[in-house]
Amino acid sequence: LDITREQLAVILYRYAGYPSVKHYVNTSLTDYLDY
């Protein structure tokens, strides 16, 4: 099956070692219409 954008993001996130997202405080996914 094709891989989706979110599935790719999860694979890369896991490969990168689950990096912290705490320092990205000025960004929100709710800024996107389809979050």
Full PDB file with SEQRES, HELIX, SHEET, SSBOND, CRYST1, ORIGX, SCALE, CONECT and MASTER records, all heavy atoms in Angstrom:
SEQRES   1 A   35  LEU ASP ILE THR ARG GLU GLN LEU ALA VAL ILE LEU TYR          
SEQRES   2 A   35  ARG TYR ALA GLY TYR PRO SER VAL LYS HIS TYR VAL ASN          
SEQRES   3 A   35  THR SER LEU THR ASP TYR LEU ASP TYR                          
HELIX    1 AA1 ARG A    5  TYR A   15  1                                  11    
HELIX    2 AA2 LEU A   29  ASP A   31  5                                   3    
CRYST1    1.000    1.000    1.000  90.00  90.00  90.00 P 1           1          
ORIGX1      1.000000  0.000000  0.000000        0.00000                         
ORIGX2      0.000000  1.000000  0.000000        0.00000                         
ORIGX3      0.000000  0.000000  1.000000        0.00000                         
SCALE1      1.000000  0.000000  0.000000        0.00000                         
SCALE2      0.000000  1.000000  0.000000        0.00000                         
SCALE3      0.000000  0.000000  1.000000        0.00000                         
ATOM      1  N   LEU A   1       0.829  -1.207   0.000  1.00  0.00           N  
ATOM      2  CA  LEU A   1       0.000   0.000   0.000  1.00  0.00           C  
ATOM      3  C   LEU A   1       0.861   1.254   0.000  1.00  0.00           C  
ATOM      4  O   LEU A   1       2.001   1.248   0.473  1.00  0.00           O  
ATOM      5  CB  LEU A   1      -0.906   0.023   1.229  1.00  0.00           C  
ATOM      6  CG  LEU A   1      -1.981  -1.052   1.328  1.00  0.00           C  
ATOM      7  CD1 LEU A   1      -2.783  -0.861   2.609  1.00  0.00           C  
ATOM      8  CD2 LEU A   1      -2.897  -1.010   0.116  1.00  0.00           C  
ATOM      9  N   ASP A   2       0.306   2.335  -0.508  1.00  0.00           N  
ATOM     10  CA  ASP A   2       0.980   3.625  -0.430  1.00  0.00           C  
ATOM     11  C   ASP A   2       1.107   4.030   1.028  1.00  0.00           C  
ATOM     12  O   ASP A   2       0.294   3.649   1.872  1.00  0.00           O  
ATOM     13  CB  ASP A   2       0.165   4.709  -1.156  1.00  0.00           C  
ATOM     14  CG  ASP A   2       0.146   4.521  -2.663  1.00  0.00           C  
ATOM     15  OD1 ASP A   2       1.057   3.863  -3.198  1.00  0.00           O  
ATOM     16  OD2 ASP A   2      -0.785   5.051  -3.300  1.00  0.00           O  
ATOM     17  N   ILE A   3       2.116   4.833   1.316  1.00  0.00           N  
ATOM     18  CA  ILE A   3       2.310   5.357   2.656  1.00  0.00           C  
ATOM     19  C   ILE A   3       1.782   6.795   2.678  1.00  0.00           C  
ATOM     20  O   ILE A   3       1.933   7.536   1.709  1.00  0.00           O  
ATOM     21  CB  ILE A   3       3.792   5.281   3.074  1.00  0.00           C  
ATOM     22  CG1 ILE A   3       3.944   5.613   4.537  1.00  0.00           C  
ATOM     23  CG2 ILE A   3       4.665   6.120   2.196  1.00  0.00           C  
ATOM     24  CD1 ILE A   3       5.326   5.309   5.072  1.00  0.00           C  
ATOM     25  N   THR A   4       1.151   7.166   3.770  1.00  0.00           N  
ATOM     26  CA  THR A   4       0.595   8.518   3.876  1.00  0.00           C  
ATOM     27  C   THR A   4       1.619   9.460   4.517  1.00  0.00           C  
ATOM     28  O   THR A   4       2.613   9.023   5.108  1.00  0.00           O  
ATOM     29  CB  THR A   4      -0.682   8.529   4.730  1.00  0.00           C  
ATOM     30  OG1 THR A   4      -0.344   8.163   6.076  1.00  0.00           O  
ATOM     31  CG2 THR A   4      -1.736   7.595   4.163  1.00  0.00           C  
ATOM     32  N   ARG A   5       1.328  10.730   4.428  1.00  0.00           N  
ATOM     33  CA  ARG A   5       2.206  11.741   5.019  1.00  0.00           C  
ATOM     34  C   ARG A   5       2.342  11.531   6.531  1.00  0.00           C  
ATOM     35  O   ARG A   5       3.428  11.633   7.075  1.00  0.00           O  
ATOM     36  CB  ARG A   5       1.683  13.143   4.713  1.00  0.00           C  
ATOM     37  CG  ARG A   5       1.838  13.527   3.247  1.00  0.00           C  
ATOM     38  CD  ARG A   5       1.150  14.834   2.910  1.00  0.00           C  
ATOM     39  NE  ARG A   5       1.491  15.937   3.780  1.00  0.00           N  
ATOM     40  CZ  ARG A   5       2.587  16.697   3.670  1.00  0.00           C  
ATOM     41  NH1 ARG A   5       3.461  16.454   2.724  1.00  0.00           N  
ATOM     42  NH2 ARG A   5       2.797  17.697   4.497  1.00  0.00           N  
ATOM     43  N   GLU A   6       1.249  11.207   7.202  1.00  0.00           N  
ATOM     44  CA  GLU A   6       1.336  11.006   8.646  1.00  0.00           C  
ATOM     45  C   GLU A   6       2.081   9.725   8.987  1.00  0.00           C  
ATOM     46  O   GLU A   6       2.817   9.677   9.973  1.00  0.00           O  
ATOM     47  CB  GLU A   6      -0.027  11.070   9.316  1.00  0.00           C  
ATOM     48  CG  GLU A   6      -0.938   9.910   9.045  1.00  0.00           C  
ATOM     49  CD  GLU A   6      -2.271  10.020   9.771  1.00  0.00           C  
ATOM     50  OE1 GLU A   6      -2.574  11.072  10.373  1.00  0.00           O  
ATOM     51  OE2 GLU A   6      -3.032   9.037   9.720  1.00  0.00           O  
ATOM     52  N   GLN A   7       1.930   8.685   8.202  1.00  0.00           N  
ATOM     53  CA  GLN A   7       2.676   7.454   8.449  1.00  0.00           C  
ATOM     54  C   GLN A   7       4.176   7.688   8.256  1.00  0.00           C  
ATOM     55  O   GLN A   7       4.991   7.210   9.059  1.00  0.00           O  
ATOM     56  CB  GLN A   7       2.197   6.338   7.518  1.00  0.00           C  
ATOM     57  CG  GLN A   7       0.813   5.834   7.840  1.00  0.00           C  
ATOM     58  CD  GLN A   7       0.247   4.936   6.756  1.00  0.00           C  
ATOM     59  OE1 GLN A   7       0.622   5.028   5.581  1.00  0.00           O  
ATOM     60  NE2 GLN A   7      -0.661   4.055   7.149  1.00  0.00           N  
ATOM     61  N   LEU A   8       4.536   8.432   7.231  1.00  0.00           N  
ATOM     62  CA  LEU A   8       5.937   8.767   6.997  1.00  0.00           C  
ATOM     63  C   LEU A   8       6.481   9.579   8.169  1.00  0.00           C  
ATOM     64  O   LEU A   8       7.583   9.324   8.657  1.00  0.00           O  
ATOM     65  CB  LEU A   8       6.099   9.535   5.685  1.00  0.00           C  
ATOM     66  CG  LEU A   8       7.512   9.986   5.343  1.00  0.00           C  
ATOM     67  CD1 LEU A   8       8.465   8.801   5.220  1.00  0.00           C  
ATOM     68  CD2 LEU A   8       7.495  10.804   4.054  1.00  0.00           C  
ATOM     69  N   ALA A   9       5.701  10.536   8.638  1.00  0.00           N  
ATOM     70  CA  ALA A   9       6.131  11.357   9.776  1.00  0.00           C  
ATOM     71  C   ALA A   9       6.389  10.489  11.007  1.00  0.00           C  
ATOM     72  O   ALA A   9       7.377  10.682  11.717  1.00  0.00           O  
ATOM     73  CB  ALA A   9       5.084  12.428  10.088  1.00  0.00           C  
ATOM     74  N   VAL A  10       5.524   9.515  11.267  1.00  0.00           N  
ATOM     75  CA  VAL A  10       5.685   8.639  12.430  1.00  0.00           C  
ATOM     76  C   VAL A  10       6.954   7.799  12.294  1.00  0.00           C  
ATOM     77  O   VAL A  10       7.732   7.671  13.244  1.00  0.00           O  
ATOM     78  CB  VAL A  10       4.445   7.740  12.622  1.00  0.00           C  
ATOM     79  CG1 VAL A  10       4.712   6.640  13.641  1.00  0.00           C  
ATOM     80  CG2 VAL A  10       3.244   8.575  13.042  1.00  0.00           C  
ATOM     81  N   ILE A  11       7.197   7.246  11.133  1.00  0.00           N  
ATOM     82  CA  ILE A  11       8.397   6.433  10.915  1.00  0.00           C  
ATOM     83  C   ILE A  11       9.655   7.268  11.148  1.00  0.00           C  
ATOM     84  O   ILE A  11      10.583   6.842  11.841  1.00  0.00           O  
ATOM     85  CB  ILE A  11       8.397   5.825   9.500  1.00  0.00           C  
ATOM     86  CG1 ILE A  11       7.294   4.774   9.384  1.00  0.00           C  
ATOM     87  CG2 ILE A  11       9.770   5.220   9.167  1.00  0.00           C  
ATOM     88  CD1 ILE A  11       7.015   4.309   7.961  1.00  0.00           C  
ATOM     89  N   LEU A  12       9.686   8.464  10.600  1.00  0.00           N  
ATOM     90  CA  LEU A  12      10.859   9.324  10.741  1.00  0.00           C  
ATOM     91  C   LEU A  12      11.032   9.797  12.189  1.00  0.00           C  
ATOM     92  O   LEU A  12      12.157   9.891  12.684  1.00  0.00           O  
ATOM     93  CB  LEU A  12      10.766  10.508   9.788  1.00  0.00           C  
ATOM     94  CG  LEU A  12      10.724  10.135   8.301  1.00  0.00           C  
ATOM     95  CD1 LEU A  12      10.547  11.379   7.455  1.00  0.00           C  
ATOM     96  CD2 LEU A  12      11.958   9.363   7.891  1.00  0.00           C  
ATOM     97  N   TYR A  13       9.942  10.088  12.842  1.00  0.00           N  
ATOM     98  CA  TYR A  13       9.965  10.508  14.248  1.00  0.00           C  
ATOM     99  C   TYR A  13      10.556   9.396  15.121  1.00  0.00           C  
ATOM    100  O   TYR A  13      11.410   9.634  15.981  1.00  0.00           O  
ATOM    101  CB  TYR A  13       8.545  10.862  14.681  1.00  0.00           C  
ATOM    102  CG  TYR A  13       8.388  11.344  16.089  1.00  0.00           C  
ATOM    103  CD1 TYR A  13       8.974  12.526  16.525  1.00  0.00           C  
ATOM    104  CD2 TYR A  13       7.595  10.635  16.985  1.00  0.00           C  
ATOM    105  CE1 TYR A  13       8.789  12.980  17.834  1.00  0.00           C  
ATOM    106  CE2 TYR A  13       7.410  11.079  18.282  1.00  0.00           C  
ATOM    107  CZ  TYR A  13       8.009  12.250  18.697  1.00  0.00           C  
ATOM    108  OH  TYR A  13       7.831  12.697  19.979  1.00  0.00           O  
ATOM    109  N   ARG A  14      10.119   8.192  14.883  1.00  0.00           N  
ATOM    110  CA  ARG A  14      10.650   7.055  15.636  1.00  0.00           C  
ATOM    111  C   ARG A  14      12.129   6.848  15.315  1.00  0.00           C  
ATOM    112  O   ARG A  14      12.941   6.608  16.206  1.00  0.00           O  
ATOM    113  CB  ARG A  14       9.860   5.788  15.310  1.00  0.00           C  
ATOM    114  CG  ARG A  14       8.454   5.802  15.854  1.00  0.00           C  
ATOM    115  CD  ARG A  14       7.683   4.591  15.383  1.00  0.00           C  
ATOM    116  NE  ARG A  14       6.325   4.582  15.907  1.00  0.00           N  
ATOM    117  CZ  ARG A  14       5.396   3.735  15.500  1.00  0.00           C  
ATOM    118  NH1 ARG A  14       5.668   2.815  14.587  1.00  0.00           N  
ATOM    119  NH2 ARG A  14       4.185   3.783  16.014  1.00  0.00           N  
ATOM    120  N   TYR A  15      12.475   6.923  14.041  1.00  0.00           N  
ATOM    121  CA  TYR A  15      13.869   6.737  13.634  1.00  0.00           C  
ATOM    122  C   TYR A  15      14.772   7.801  14.260  1.00  0.00           C  
ATOM    123  O   TYR A  15      15.908   7.513  14.654  1.00  0.00           O  
ATOM    124  CB  TYR A  15      13.997   6.772  12.113  1.00  0.00           C  
ATOM    125  CG  TYR A  15      15.407   6.511  11.645  1.00  0.00           C  
ATOM    126  CD1 TYR A  15      15.885   5.202  11.550  1.00  0.00           C  
ATOM    127  CD2 TYR A  15      16.266   7.549  11.337  1.00  0.00           C  
ATOM    128  CE1 TYR A  15      17.184   4.952  11.151  1.00  0.00           C  
ATOM    129  CE2 TYR A  15      17.567   7.305  10.936  1.00  0.00           C  
ATOM    130  CZ  TYR A  15      18.020   6.001  10.840  1.00  0.00           C  
ATOM    131  OH  TYR A  15      19.310   5.762  10.455  1.00  0.00           O  
ATOM    132  N   ALA A  16      14.275   9.019  14.370  1.00  0.00           N  
ATOM    133  CA  ALA A  16      15.047  10.122  14.949  1.00  0.00           C  
ATOM    134  C   ALA A  16      15.146  10.014  16.466  1.00  0.00           C  
ATOM    135  O   ALA A  16      15.816  10.825  17.101  1.00  0.00           O  
ATOM    136  CB  ALA A  16      14.430  11.461  14.547  1.00  0.00           C  
ATOM    137  N   GLY A  17      14.475   9.040  17.060  1.00  0.00           N  
ATOM    138  CA  GLY A  17      14.567   8.820  18.498  1.00  0.00           C  
ATOM    139  C   GLY A  17      13.547   9.574  19.322  1.00  0.00           C  
ATOM    140  O   GLY A  17      13.804   9.908  20.472  1.00  0.00           O  
ATOM    141  N   TYR A  18      12.380   9.854  18.736  1.00  0.00           N  
ATOM    142  CA  TYR A  18      11.311  10.564  19.438  1.00  0.00           C  
ATOM    143  C   TYR A  18      11.798  11.913  19.975  1.00  0.00           C  
ATOM    144  O   TYR A  18      11.735  12.176  21.188  1.00  0.00           O  
ATOM    145  CB  TYR A  18      10.738   9.721  20.592  1.00  0.00           C  
ATOM    146  CG  TYR A  18      10.114   8.424  20.172  1.00  0.00           C  
ATOM    147  CD1 TYR A  18      10.889   7.281  19.978  1.00  0.00           C  
ATOM    148  CD2 TYR A  18       8.751   8.331  19.979  1.00  0.00           C  
ATOM    149  CE1 TYR A  18      10.309   6.070  19.593  1.00  0.00           C  
ATOM    150  CE2 TYR A  18       8.158   7.131  19.603  1.00  0.00           C  
ATOM    151  CZ  TYR A  18       8.940   6.011  19.410  1.00  0.00           C  
ATOM    152  OH  TYR A  18       8.369   4.829  19.035  1.00  0.00           O  
ATOM    153  N   PRO A  19      12.305  12.784  19.100  1.00  0.00           N  
ATOM    154  CA  PRO A  19      12.844  14.066  19.585  1.00  0.00           C  
ATOM    155  C   PRO A  19      11.782  14.905  20.299  1.00  0.00           C  
ATOM    156  O   PRO A  19      10.602  14.840  19.984  1.00  0.00           O  
ATOM    157  CB  PRO A  19      13.316  14.770  18.321  1.00  0.00           C  
ATOM    158  CG  PRO A  19      12.894  13.941  17.178  1.00  0.00           C  
ATOM    159  CD  PRO A  19      12.344  12.667  17.665  1.00  0.00           C  
ATOM    160  N   SER A  20      12.239  15.682  21.244  1.00  0.00           N  
ATOM    161  CA  SER A  20      11.346  16.543  22.014  1.00  0.00           C  
ATOM    162  C   SER A  20      10.717  17.607  21.119  1.00  0.00           C  
ATOM    163  O   SER A  20      11.370  18.153  20.230  1.00  0.00           O  
ATOM    164  CB  SER A  20      12.116  17.232  23.131  1.00  0.00           C  
ATOM    165  OG  SER A  20      11.292  18.158  23.795  1.00  0.00           O  
ATOM    166  N   VAL A  21       9.467  17.885  21.371  1.00  0.00           N  
ATOM    167  CA  VAL A  21       8.773  18.941  20.626  1.00  0.00           C  
ATOM    168  C   VAL A  21       8.516  20.150  21.514  1.00  0.00           C  
ATOM    169  O   VAL A  21       7.883  21.109  21.086  1.00  0.00           O  
ATOM    170  CB  VAL A  21       7.443  18.432  20.014  1.00  0.00           C  
ATOM    171  CG1 VAL A  21       7.692  17.351  18.988  1.00  0.00           C  
ATOM    172  CG2 VAL A  21       6.489  17.949  21.090  1.00  0.00           C  
ATOM    173  N   LYS A  22       9.032  20.131  22.730  1.00  0.00           N  
ATOM    174  CA  LYS A  22       8.743  21.187  23.700  1.00  0.00           C  
ATOM    175  C   LYS A  22       9.236  22.559  23.267  1.00  0.00           C  
ATOM    176  O   LYS A  22       8.634  23.567  23.618  1.00  0.00           O  
ATOM    177  CB  LYS A  22       9.340  20.831  25.053  1.00  0.00           C  
ATOM    178  CG  LYS A  22       8.658  19.665  25.702  1.00  0.00           C  
ATOM    179  CD  LYS A  22       9.265  19.330  27.035  1.00  0.00           C  
ATOM    180  CE  LYS A  22       8.557  18.113  27.615  1.00  0.00           C  
ATOM    181  NZ  LYS A  22       9.123  17.697  28.870  1.00  0.00           N  
ATOM    182  N   HIS A  23      10.318  22.625  22.502  1.00  0.00           N  
ATOM    183  CA  HIS A  23      10.845  23.934  22.118  1.00  0.00           C  
ATOM    184  C   HIS A  23      10.144  24.540  20.908  1.00  0.00           C  
ATOM    185  O   HIS A  23      10.464  25.629  20.490  1.00  0.00           O  
ATOM    186  CB  HIS A  23      12.367  23.875  21.910  1.00  0.00           C  
ATOM    187  CG  HIS A  23      12.806  22.964  20.829  1.00  0.00           C  
ATOM    188  ND1 HIS A  23      12.912  21.603  20.993  1.00  0.00           N  
ATOM    189  CD2 HIS A  23      13.167  23.220  19.561  1.00  0.00           C  
ATOM    190  CE1 HIS A  23      13.318  21.059  19.873  1.00  0.00           C  
ATOM    191  NE2 HIS A  23      13.480  22.007  18.989  1.00  0.00           N  
ATOM    192  N   TYR A  24       9.160  23.865  20.360  1.00  0.00           N  
ATOM    193  CA  TYR A  24       8.391  24.395  19.238  1.00  0.00           C  
ATOM    194  C   TYR A  24       7.107  25.071  19.735  1.00  0.00           C  
ATOM    195  O   TYR A  24       6.031  24.839  19.233  1.00  0.00           O  
ATOM    196  CB  TYR A  24       8.019  23.287  18.252  1.00  0.00           C  
ATOM    197  CG  TYR A  24       9.204  22.603  17.621  1.00  0.00           C  
ATOM    198  CD1 TYR A  24       9.430  21.250  17.816  1.00  0.00           C  
ATOM    199  CD2 TYR A  24      10.086  23.303  16.814  1.00  0.00           C  
ATOM    200  CE1 TYR A  24      10.501  20.607  17.231  1.00  0.00           C  
ATOM    201  CE2 TYR A  24      11.169  22.667  16.227  1.00  0.00           C  
ATOM    202  CZ  TYR A  24      11.366  21.322  16.439  1.00  0.00           C  
ATOM    203  OH  TYR A  24      12.435  20.694  15.854  1.00  0.00           O  
ATOM    204  N   VAL A  25       7.208  25.901  20.731  1.00  0.00           N  
ATOM    205  CA  VAL A  25       6.033  26.468  21.390  1.00  0.00           C  
ATOM    206  C   VAL A  25       5.305  27.521  20.562  1.00  0.00           C  
ATOM    207  O   VAL A  25       4.146  27.807  20.814  1.00  0.00           O  
ATOM    208  CB  VAL A  25       6.382  27.056  22.772  1.00  0.00           C  
ATOM    209  CG1 VAL A  25       6.822  25.961  23.717  1.00  0.00           C  
ATOM    210  CG2 VAL A  25       7.455  28.122  22.651  1.00  0.00           C  
ATOM    211  N   ASN A  26       5.942  28.091  19.575  1.00  0.00           N  
ATOM    212  CA  ASN A  26       5.309  29.151  18.788  1.00  0.00           C  
ATOM    213  C   ASN A  26       4.602  28.632  17.548  1.00  0.00           C  
ATOM    214  O   ASN A  26       4.174  29.402  16.703  1.00  0.00           O  
ATOM    215  CB  ASN A  26       6.349  30.210  18.384  1.00  0.00           C  
ATOM    216  CG  ASN A  26       6.884  30.946  19.586  1.00  0.00           C  
ATOM    217  OD1 ASN A  26       6.167  31.167  20.545  1.00  0.00           O  
ATOM    218  ND2 ASN A  26       8.146  31.313  19.537  1.00  0.00           N  
ATOM    219  N   THR A  27       4.483  27.340  17.443  1.00  0.00           N  
ATOM    220  CA  THR A  27       3.856  26.724  16.282  1.00  0.00           C  
ATOM    221  C   THR A  27       2.700  25.847  16.754  1.00  0.00           C  
ATOM    222  O   THR A  27       2.780  25.224  17.799  1.00  0.00           O  
ATOM    223  CB  THR A  27       4.873  25.860  15.520  1.00  0.00           C  
ATOM    224  OG1 THR A  27       6.001  26.673  15.186  1.00  0.00           O  
ATOM    225  CG2 THR A  27       4.281  25.299  14.255  1.00  0.00           C  
ATOM    226  N   SER A  28       1.652  25.801  15.963  1.00  0.00           N  
ATOM    227  CA  SER A  28       0.509  24.960  16.307  1.00  0.00           C  
ATOM    228  C   SER A  28      -0.050  24.309  15.052  1.00  0.00           C  
ATOM    229  O   SER A  28      -0.170  24.961  14.011  1.00  0.00           O  
ATOM    230  CB  SER A  28      -0.580  25.804  16.972  1.00  0.00           C  
ATOM    231  OG  SER A  28      -1.731  25.024  17.178  1.00  0.00           O  
ATOM    232  N   LEU A  29      -0.387  23.049  15.160  1.00  0.00           N  
ATOM    233  CA  LEU A  29      -1.002  22.374  14.022  1.00  0.00           C  
ATOM    234  C   LEU A  29      -2.404  22.906  13.759  1.00  0.00           C  
ATOM    235  O   LEU A  29      -2.929  22.751  12.662  1.00  0.00           O  
ATOM    236  CB  LEU A  29      -1.044  20.862  14.261  1.00  0.00           C  
ATOM    237  CG  LEU A  29       0.309  20.154  14.243  1.00  0.00           C  
ATOM    238  CD1 LEU A  29       0.121  18.664  14.489  1.00  0.00           C  
ATOM    239  CD2 LEU A  29       1.053  20.390  12.950  1.00  0.00           C  
ATOM    240  N   THR A  30      -3.003  23.542  14.757  1.00  0.00           N  
ATOM    241  CA  THR A  30      -4.341  24.086  14.563  1.00  0.00           C  
ATOM    242  C   THR A  30      -4.343  25.264  13.592  1.00  0.00           C  
ATOM    243  O   THR A  30      -5.401  25.722  13.189  1.00  0.00           O  
ATOM    244  CB  THR A  30      -4.967  24.520  15.904  1.00  0.00           C  
ATOM    245  OG1 THR A  30      -4.140  25.511  16.508  1.00  0.00           O  
ATOM    246  CG2 THR A  30      -5.126  23.330  16.839  1.00  0.00           C  
ATOM    247  N   ASP A  31      -3.159  25.732  13.207  1.00  0.00           N  
ATOM    248  CA  ASP A  31      -3.068  26.782  12.193  1.00  0.00           C  
ATOM    249  C   ASP A  31      -3.425  26.259  10.802  1.00  0.00           C  
ATOM    250  O   ASP A  31      -3.638  27.039   9.883  1.00  0.00           O  
ATOM    251  CB  ASP A  31      -1.649  27.363  12.138  1.00  0.00           C  
ATOM    252  CG  ASP A  31      -1.277  28.091  13.418  1.00  0.00           C  
ATOM    253  OD1 ASP A  31      -2.191  28.496  14.171  1.00  0.00           O  
ATOM    254  OD2 ASP A  31      -0.070  28.251  13.658  1.00  0.00           O  
ATOM    255  N   TYR A  32      -3.474  24.935  10.651  1.00  0.00           N  
ATOM    256  CA  TYR A  32      -3.763  24.315   9.362  1.00  0.00           C  
ATOM    257  C   TYR A  32      -5.222  23.877   9.313  1.00  0.00           C  
ATOM    258  O   TYR A  32      -5.760  23.348  10.287  1.00  0.00           O  
ATOM    259  CB  TYR A  32      -2.831  23.123   9.135  1.00  0.00           C  
ATOM    260  CG  TYR A  32      -1.380  23.540   9.111  1.00  0.00           C  
ATOM    261  CD1 TYR A  32      -0.603  23.498  10.268  1.00  0.00           C  
ATOM    262  CD2 TYR A  32      -0.801  24.027   7.950  1.00  0.00           C  
ATOM    263  CE1 TYR A  32       0.720  23.907  10.252  1.00  0.00           C  
ATOM    264  CE2 TYR A  32       0.528  24.433   7.926  1.00  0.00           C  
ATOM    265  CZ  TYR A  32       1.275  24.373   9.081  1.00  0.00           C  
ATOM    266  OH  TYR A  32       2.581  24.788   9.060  1.00  0.00           O  
ATOM    267  N   LEU A  33      -5.856  24.096   8.182  1.00  0.00           N  
ATOM    268  CA  LEU A  33      -7.285  23.825   8.028  1.00  0.00           C  
ATOM    269  C   LEU A  33      -7.669  22.371   8.274  1.00  0.00           C  
ATOM    270  O   LEU A  33      -8.763  22.089   8.752  1.00  0.00           O  
ATOM    271  CB  LEU A  33      -7.757  24.251   6.633  1.00  0.00           C  
ATOM    272  CG  LEU A  33      -7.660  25.737   6.318  1.00  0.00           C  
ATOM    273  CD1 LEU A  33      -8.055  25.994   4.861  1.00  0.00           C  
ATOM    274  CD2 LEU A  33      -8.539  26.547   7.258  1.00  0.00           C  
ATOM    275  N   ASP A  34      -6.772  21.441   7.950  1.00  0.00           N  
ATOM    276  CA  ASP A  34      -7.124  20.022   8.038  1.00  0.00           C  
ATOM    277  C   ASP A  34      -6.427  19.289   9.180  1.00  0.00           C  
ATOM    278  O   ASP A  34      -6.282  18.075   9.158  1.00  0.00           O  
ATOM    279  CB  ASP A  34      -6.844  19.330   6.709  1.00  0.00           C  
ATOM    280  CG  ASP A  34      -5.403  19.450   6.256  1.00  0.00           C  
ATOM    281  OD1 ASP A  34      -4.628  20.203   6.884  1.00  0.00           O  
ATOM    282  OD2 ASP A  34      -5.045  18.795   5.252  1.00  0.00           O  
ATOM    283  N   TYR A  35      -6.031  20.016  10.218  1.00  0.00           N  
ATOM    284  CA  TYR A  35      -5.311  19.380  11.327  1.00  0.00           C  
ATOM    285  C   TYR A  35      -6.136  18.301  12.021  1.00  0.00           C  
ATOM    286  O   TYR A  35      -5.582  17.355  12.589  1.00  0.00           O  
ATOM    287  CB  TYR A  35      -4.819  20.417  12.343  1.00  0.00           C  
ATOM    288  CG  TYR A  35      -5.873  20.892  13.305  1.00  0.00           C  
ATOM    289  CD1 TYR A  35      -6.011  20.316  14.553  1.00  0.00           C  
ATOM    290  CD2 TYR A  35      -6.744  21.918  12.953  1.00  0.00           C  
ATOM    291  CE1 TYR A  35      -6.988  20.752  15.435  1.00  0.00           C  
ATOM    292  CE2 TYR A  35      -7.717  22.354  13.826  1.00  0.00           C  
ATOM    293  CZ  TYR A  35      -7.834  21.774  15.068  1.00  0.00           C  
ATOM    294  OH  TYR A  35      -8.800  22.207  15.933  1.00  0.00           O  
TER     295      TYR A  35                                                      
MASTER        0    0    0    2    0    0    0    6  294    1    0    3          
END                                                                             
